[in-house]
Amino acid sequence: MEKDNKKQQNSSSEIAGKQFEVEDYKKNDQLSSGLAETHEQVNDDYMAGTIDQKAKSEKEQ
């Protein structure tokens, strides 16, 4: 039972330490595809900007 806990802790640490890499778009495992999807969503939101930026750009036109 102690081995199972240690194995699970190592696995959790590996997952927690994983960061997005461009290659994640090409991988088929659940973790990589989740990171790729989250990266795409964050990037889309970042590129869309904030409401303040939109209001300012509309005002300038």
N, C-alpha and C. Protein backbone atom coordinates (compact mmCIF):
# COMPACT_ATOMS: atom_id res chain seq x y z
N MET A 1 0.82 -1.18 0.00
CA MET A 1 0.00 0.00 0.00
C MET A 1 0.87 1.25 0.00
N GLU A 2 1.97 1.20 0.69
CA GLU A 2 2.88 2.34 0.73
C GLU A 2 3.46 2.62 -0.66
N LYS A 3 3.73 1.56 -1.41
CA LYS A 3 4.25 1.71 -2.77
C LYS A 3 3.22 2.40 -3.66
N ASP A 4 1.94 2.06 -3.49
CA ASP A 4 0.88 2.67 -4.28
C ASP A 4 0.79 4.17 -4.03
N ASN A 5 0.91 4.57 -2.75
CA ASN A 5 0.88 6.00 -2.41
C ASN A 5 2.06 6.73 -3.02
N LYS A 6 3.23 6.12 -2.94
CA LYS A 6 4.44 6.74 -3.48
C LYS A 6 4.34 6.86 -5.00
N LYS A 7 3.83 5.83 -5.64
CA LYS A 7 3.66 5.83 -7.10
C LYS A 7 2.67 6.92 -7.51
N GLN A 8 1.58 7.05 -6.76
CA GLN A 8 0.57 8.06 -7.06
C GLN A 8 1.13 9.47 -6.85
N GLN A 9 1.94 9.68 -5.83
CA GLN A 9 2.54 10.99 -5.58
C GLN A 9 3.48 11.36 -6.71
N ASN A 10 4.29 10.41 -7.18
CA ASN A 10 5.19 10.69 -8.29
C ASN A 10 4.41 11.05 -9.55
N SER A 11 3.35 10.33 -9.83
CA SER A 11 2.51 10.59 -11.00
C SER A 11 1.87 11.97 -10.90
N SER A 12 1.36 12.31 -9.74
CA SER A 12 0.73 13.62 -9.53
C SER A 12 1.74 14.74 -9.68
N SER A 13 2.94 14.54 -9.19
CA SER A 13 3.98 15.56 -9.31
C SER A 13 4.37 15.79 -10.77
N GLU A 14 4.42 14.72 -11.54
CA GLU A 14 4.74 14.85 -12.96
C GLU A 14 3.66 15.64 -13.68
N ILE A 15 2.40 15.35 -13.39
CA ILE A 15 1.30 16.05 -14.03
C ILE A 15 1.29 17.51 -13.61
N ALA A 16 1.48 17.77 -12.34
CA ALA A 16 1.45 19.15 -11.84
C ALA A 16 2.59 19.98 -12.42
N GLY A 17 3.69 19.36 -12.74
CA GLY A 17 4.84 20.09 -13.26
C GLY A 17 4.84 20.26 -14.76
N LYS A 18 3.87 19.65 -15.45
CA LYS A 18 3.82 19.71 -16.91
C LYS A 18 3.38 21.09 -17.36
N GLN A 19 4.06 21.62 -18.37
CA GLN A 19 3.71 22.92 -18.95
C GLN A 19 3.42 22.74 -20.43
N PHE A 20 2.72 23.68 -21.00
CA PHE A 20 2.36 23.61 -22.41
C PHE A 20 3.61 23.66 -23.28
N GLU A 21 3.62 22.82 -24.29
CA GLU A 21 4.66 22.83 -25.32
C GLU A 21 3.95 22.76 -26.66
N VAL A 22 4.52 23.36 -27.69
CA VAL A 22 3.89 23.39 -29.01
C VAL A 22 3.59 21.97 -29.50
N GLU A 23 4.42 21.03 -29.16
CA GLU A 23 4.22 19.64 -29.58
C GLU A 23 2.93 19.04 -29.02
N ASP A 24 2.37 19.66 -27.97
CA ASP A 24 1.14 19.14 -27.37
C ASP A 24 -0.02 19.12 -28.36
N TYR A 25 0.01 20.00 -29.37
CA TYR A 25 -1.04 20.00 -30.38
C TYR A 25 -1.03 18.71 -31.19
N LYS A 26 0.11 18.07 -31.31
CA LYS A 26 0.25 16.86 -32.13
C LYS A 26 0.11 15.57 -31.32
N LYS A 27 0.17 15.65 -29.99
CA LYS A 27 0.11 14.45 -29.16
C LYS A 27 -1.34 14.03 -28.94
N ASN A 28 -1.53 12.75 -28.65
CA ASN A 28 -2.88 12.20 -28.49
C ASN A 28 -3.27 11.91 -27.06
N ASP A 29 -2.36 12.10 -26.10
CA ASP A 29 -2.74 11.78 -24.72
C ASP A 29 -3.62 12.89 -24.14
N GLN A 30 -4.39 12.54 -23.13
CA GLN A 30 -5.38 13.44 -22.56
C GLN A 30 -4.75 14.71 -21.98
N LEU A 31 -3.64 14.58 -21.29
CA LEU A 31 -3.00 15.74 -20.68
C LEU A 31 -2.52 16.73 -21.73
N SER A 32 -1.85 16.25 -22.76
CA SER A 32 -1.34 17.13 -23.80
C SER A 32 -2.46 17.81 -24.57
N SER A 33 -3.50 17.07 -24.91
CA SER A 33 -4.61 17.67 -25.65
C SER A 33 -5.35 18.69 -24.78
N GLY A 34 -5.45 18.43 -23.49
CA GLY A 34 -6.06 19.40 -22.57
C GLY A 34 -5.24 20.67 -22.46
N LEU A 35 -3.93 20.53 -22.37
CA LEU A 35 -3.07 21.71 -22.31
C LEU A 35 -3.14 22.51 -23.61
N ALA A 36 -3.17 21.82 -24.74
CA ALA A 36 -3.24 22.50 -26.03
C ALA A 36 -4.56 23.26 -26.16
N GLU A 37 -5.65 22.64 -25.75
CA GLU A 37 -6.96 23.30 -25.83
C GLU A 37 -7.03 24.51 -24.91
N THR A 38 -6.53 24.37 -23.69
CA THR A 38 -6.53 25.48 -22.75
C THR A 38 -5.65 26.61 -23.26
N HIS A 39 -4.51 26.28 -23.83
CA HIS A 39 -3.61 27.30 -24.38
C HIS A 39 -4.31 28.08 -25.49
N GLU A 40 -5.04 27.36 -26.34
CA GLU A 40 -5.74 28.01 -27.44
C GLU A 40 -6.84 28.95 -26.92
N GLN A 41 -7.57 28.52 -25.90
CA GLN A 41 -8.63 29.34 -25.33
C GLN A 41 -8.06 30.60 -24.68
N VAL A 42 -7.00 30.46 -23.93
CA VAL A 42 -6.37 31.61 -23.27
C VAL A 42 -5.83 32.57 -24.32
N ASN A 43 -5.19 32.03 -25.35
CA ASN A 43 -4.64 32.86 -26.41
C ASN A 43 -5.75 33.64 -27.12
N ASP A 44 -6.88 32.99 -27.40
CA ASP A 44 -8.01 33.67 -28.04
C ASP A 44 -8.53 34.81 -27.18
N ASP A 45 -8.69 34.56 -25.89
CA ASP A 45 -9.17 35.60 -24.98
C ASP A 45 -8.18 36.76 -24.89
N TYR A 46 -6.90 36.44 -24.84
CA TYR A 46 -5.87 37.47 -24.75
C TYR A 46 -5.89 38.35 -26.00
N MET A 47 -6.01 37.71 -27.16
CA MET A 47 -5.99 38.45 -28.41
C MET A 47 -7.27 39.29 -28.59
N ALA A 48 -8.36 38.86 -27.98
CA ALA A 48 -9.62 39.60 -28.08
C ALA A 48 -9.55 40.90 -27.28
N GLY A 49 -8.73 40.93 -26.27
CA GLY A 49 -8.56 42.14 -25.46
C GLY A 49 -9.65 42.28 -24.41
N THR A 50 -9.70 43.47 -23.83
CA THR A 50 -10.67 43.73 -22.77
C THR A 50 -11.77 44.66 -23.30
N ILE A 51 -12.81 44.80 -22.53
CA ILE A 51 -13.90 45.70 -22.91
C ILE A 51 -13.39 47.13 -23.01
N ASP A 52 -12.48 47.51 -22.12
CA ASP A 52 -11.92 48.87 -22.16
C ASP A 52 -11.20 49.13 -23.47
N GLN A 53 -10.44 48.16 -23.94
CA GLN A 53 -9.71 48.32 -25.19
C GLN A 53 -10.68 48.44 -26.36
N LYS A 54 -11.75 47.67 -26.36
CA LYS A 54 -12.72 47.72 -27.44
C LYS A 54 -13.42 49.08 -27.46
N ALA A 55 -13.81 49.57 -26.27
CA ALA A 55 -14.48 50.86 -26.19
C ALA A 55 -13.56 51.97 -26.67
N LYS A 56 -12.30 51.90 -26.31
CA LYS A 56 -11.34 52.92 -26.73
C LYS A 56 -11.16 52.92 -28.24
N SER A 57 -11.05 51.73 -28.84
CA SER A 57 -10.85 51.66 -30.29
C SER A 57 -12.09 52.12 -31.04
N GLU A 58 -13.28 51.86 -30.51
CA GLU A 58 -14.52 52.32 -31.14
C GLU A 58 -14.64 53.84 -31.05
N LYS A 59 -14.18 54.39 -29.95
CA LYS A 59 -14.23 55.83 -29.74
C LYS A 59 -13.30 56.56 -30.72
N GLU A 60 -12.15 55.94 -31.00
CA GLU A 60 -11.15 56.55 -31.89
C GLU A 60 -11.63 56.53 -33.35
N GLN A 61 -12.52 55.63 -33.69
CA GLN A 61 -12.97 55.53 -35.09
C GLN A 61 -14.01 56.51 -35.34
